[in-house]
């Protein structure tokens, strides 16, 4: 687990952080972790795997369909383009 040091934090910001932490019944350190997690990993972010799974369910794609596509796929290396 990584450790982070925050330097030159204003007294006002530090006080506000402590107040906010107390309002959420957690330590200032736990509050900072929560703030950072929310900033870099928002709940509404697009999760590609989840989105693809939902799309395939909507169109009725089943595992057997995916397997059939895999078997029919051309696995030969692609030929380079020839420019005239």
C-alpha atoms as a PDB file:
ATOM      1  CA  UNK A   1       0.000   0.000   0.000  1.00  0.00           C
ATOM      2  CA  UNK A   2       1.385   3.397  -0.950  1.00  0.00           C
ATOM      3  CA  UNK A   3       1.955   6.242   1.505  1.00  0.00           C
ATOM      4  CA  UNK A   4       1.515   9.912   0.600  1.00  0.00           C
ATOM      5  CA  UNK A   5       2.775  13.024   2.375  1.00  0.00           C
ATOM      6  CA  UNK A   6       0.967  16.296   1.776  1.00  0.00           C
ATOM      7  CA  UNK A   7       3.143  19.342   2.366  1.00  0.00           C
ATOM      8  CA  UNK A   8       2.177  23.005   2.629  1.00  0.00           C
ATOM      9  CA  UNK A   9      -1.487  22.357   3.418  1.00  0.00           C
ATOM     10  CA  UNK A  10      -3.015  25.560   4.749  1.00  0.00           C
ATOM     11  CA  UNK A  11      -4.250  25.652   8.335  1.00  0.00           C
ATOM     12  CA  UNK A  12      -7.733  26.486   7.046  1.00  0.00           C
ATOM     13  CA  UNK A  13      -7.806  23.415   4.812  1.00  0.00           C
ATOM     14  CA  UNK A  14      -6.461  21.232   7.633  1.00  0.00           C
ATOM     15  CA  UNK A  15      -9.131  22.515  10.041  1.00  0.00           C
ATOM     16  CA  UNK A  16     -11.860  22.010   7.441  1.00  0.00           C
ATOM     17  CA  UNK A  17     -10.605  18.482   6.811  1.00  0.00           C
ATOM     18  CA  UNK A  18     -10.774  17.669  10.520  1.00  0.00           C
ATOM     19  CA  UNK A  19     -14.323  19.046  10.726  1.00  0.00           C
ATOM     20  CA  UNK A  20     -15.397  17.057   7.676  1.00  0.00           C
ATOM     21  CA  UNK A  21     -13.794  13.901   9.110  1.00  0.00           C
ATOM     22  CA  UNK A  22     -15.646  14.383  12.395  1.00  0.00           C
ATOM     23  CA  UNK A  23     -18.930  14.802  10.509  1.00  0.00           C
ATOM     24  CA  UNK A  24     -18.312  11.443   8.838  1.00  0.00           C
ATOM     25  CA  UNK A  25     -17.165   9.790  12.092  1.00  0.00           C
ATOM     26  CA  UNK A  26     -13.687   8.978  10.814  1.00  0.00           C
ATOM     27  CA  UNK A  27     -10.115  10.110  11.258  1.00  0.00           C
ATOM     28  CA  UNK A  28      -8.598  12.888   9.168  1.00  0.00           C
ATOM     29  CA  UNK A  29      -6.445  10.265   7.449  1.00  0.00           C
ATOM     30  CA  UNK A  30      -9.481   8.122   6.592  1.00  0.00           C
ATOM     31  CA  UNK A  31     -11.276  11.232   5.322  1.00  0.00           C
ATOM     32  CA  UNK A  32      -8.348  12.083   3.044  1.00  0.00           C
ATOM     33  CA  UNK A  33      -8.385   8.528   1.665  1.00  0.00           C
ATOM     34  CA  UNK A  34     -12.125   8.784   0.983  1.00  0.00           C
ATOM     35  CA  UNK A  35     -11.711  12.158  -0.755  1.00  0.00           C
ATOM     36  CA  UNK A  36      -8.872  10.884  -2.938  1.00  0.00           C
ATOM     37  CA  UNK A  37     -10.705   7.655  -3.843  1.00  0.00           C
ATOM     38  CA  UNK A  38     -13.828   9.606  -4.819  1.00  0.00           C
ATOM     39  CA  UNK A  39     -11.760  11.998  -6.929  1.00  0.00           C
ATOM     40  CA  UNK A  40      -9.858   9.401  -8.914  1.00  0.00           C
ATOM     41  CA  UNK A  41     -12.409   6.571  -8.989  1.00  0.00           C
ATOM     42  CA  UNK A  42     -15.883   8.143  -9.264  1.00  0.00           C
ATOM     43  CA  UNK A  43     -18.883   5.841  -8.895  1.00  0.00           C
ATOM     44  CA  UNK A  44     -20.384   6.872 -12.226  1.00  0.00           C
ATOM     45  CA  UNK A  45     -17.311   5.977 -14.293  1.00  0.00           C
ATOM     46  CA  UNK A  46     -17.704   3.735 -17.304  1.00  0.00           C
ATOM     47  CA  UNK A  47     -16.594   0.187 -16.648  1.00  0.00           C
ATOM     48  CA  UNK A  48     -15.918  -1.343 -20.036  1.00  0.00           C
ATOM     49  CA  UNK A  49     -16.464  -4.981 -19.040  1.00  0.00           C
ATOM     50  CA  UNK A  50     -19.758  -4.172 -17.356  1.00  0.00           C
ATOM     51  CA  UNK A  51     -20.905  -2.091 -20.340  1.00  0.00           C
ATOM     52  CA  UNK A  52     -20.079  -4.859 -22.829  1.00  0.00           C
ATOM     53  CA  UNK A  53     -21.797  -7.458 -20.669  1.00  0.00           C
ATOM     54  CA  UNK A  54     -24.954  -5.345 -20.420  1.00  0.00           C
ATOM     55  CA  UNK A  55     -24.970  -4.724 -24.190  1.00  0.00           C
ATOM     56  CA  UNK A  56     -24.670  -8.429 -24.993  1.00  0.00           C
ATOM     57  CA  UNK A  57     -27.494  -9.274 -22.561  1.00  0.00           C
ATOM     58  CA  UNK A  58     -29.730  -6.640 -24.174  1.00  0.00           C
ATOM     59  CA  UNK A  59     -29.268  -8.149 -27.638  1.00  0.00           C
ATOM     60  CA  UNK A  60     -29.602 -11.695 -26.328  1.00  0.00           C
ATOM     61  CA  UNK A  61     -26.017 -12.818 -26.966  1.00  0.00           C
ATOM     62  CA  UNK A  62     -25.266 -16.073 -25.157  1.00  0.00           C
ATOM     63  CA  UNK A  63     -21.990 -17.859 -24.410  1.00  0.00           C
ATOM     64  CA  UNK A  64     -22.707 -20.277 -27.269  1.00  0.00           C
ATOM     65  CA  UNK A  65     -22.907 -17.313 -29.661  1.00  0.00           C
ATOM     66  CA  UNK A  66     -19.535 -16.021 -28.518  1.00  0.00           C
ATOM     67  CA  UNK A  67     -18.002 -19.475 -28.893  1.00  0.00           C
ATOM     68  CA  UNK A  68     -19.408 -19.759 -32.437  1.00  0.00           C
ATOM     69  CA  UNK A  69     -17.897 -16.373 -33.327  1.00  0.00           C
ATOM     70  CA  UNK A  70     -14.524 -17.464 -31.935  1.00  0.00           C
ATOM     71  CA  UNK A  71     -14.577 -20.665 -33.989  1.00  0.00           C
ATOM     72  CA  UNK A  72     -15.515 -18.821 -37.188  1.00  0.00           C
ATOM     73  CA  UNK A  73     -12.848 -16.143 -36.706  1.00  0.00           C
ATOM     74  CA  UNK A  74      -9.979 -16.095 -39.189  1.00  0.00           C
ATOM     75  CA  UNK A  75      -6.828 -16.577 -37.112  1.00  0.00           C
ATOM     76  CA  UNK A  76      -4.366 -16.151 -39.957  1.00  0.00           C
ATOM     77  CA  UNK A  77      -2.050 -13.115 -39.710  1.00  0.00           C
ATOM     78  CA  UNK A  78      -3.280 -10.121 -41.633  1.00  0.00           C
ATOM     79  CA  UNK A  79      -1.687  -9.357 -44.987  1.00  0.00           C
ATOM     80  CA  UNK A  80       0.090  -5.991 -45.188  1.00  0.00           C
ATOM     81  CA  UNK A  81      -1.553  -3.325 -47.298  1.00  0.00           C
ATOM     82  CA  UNK A  82      -0.110  -2.744 -50.742  1.00  0.00           C
ATOM     83  CA  UNK A  83       0.032   0.871 -51.817  1.00  0.00           C
ATOM     84  CA  UNK A  84      -0.087   1.437 -55.559  1.00  0.00           C
END
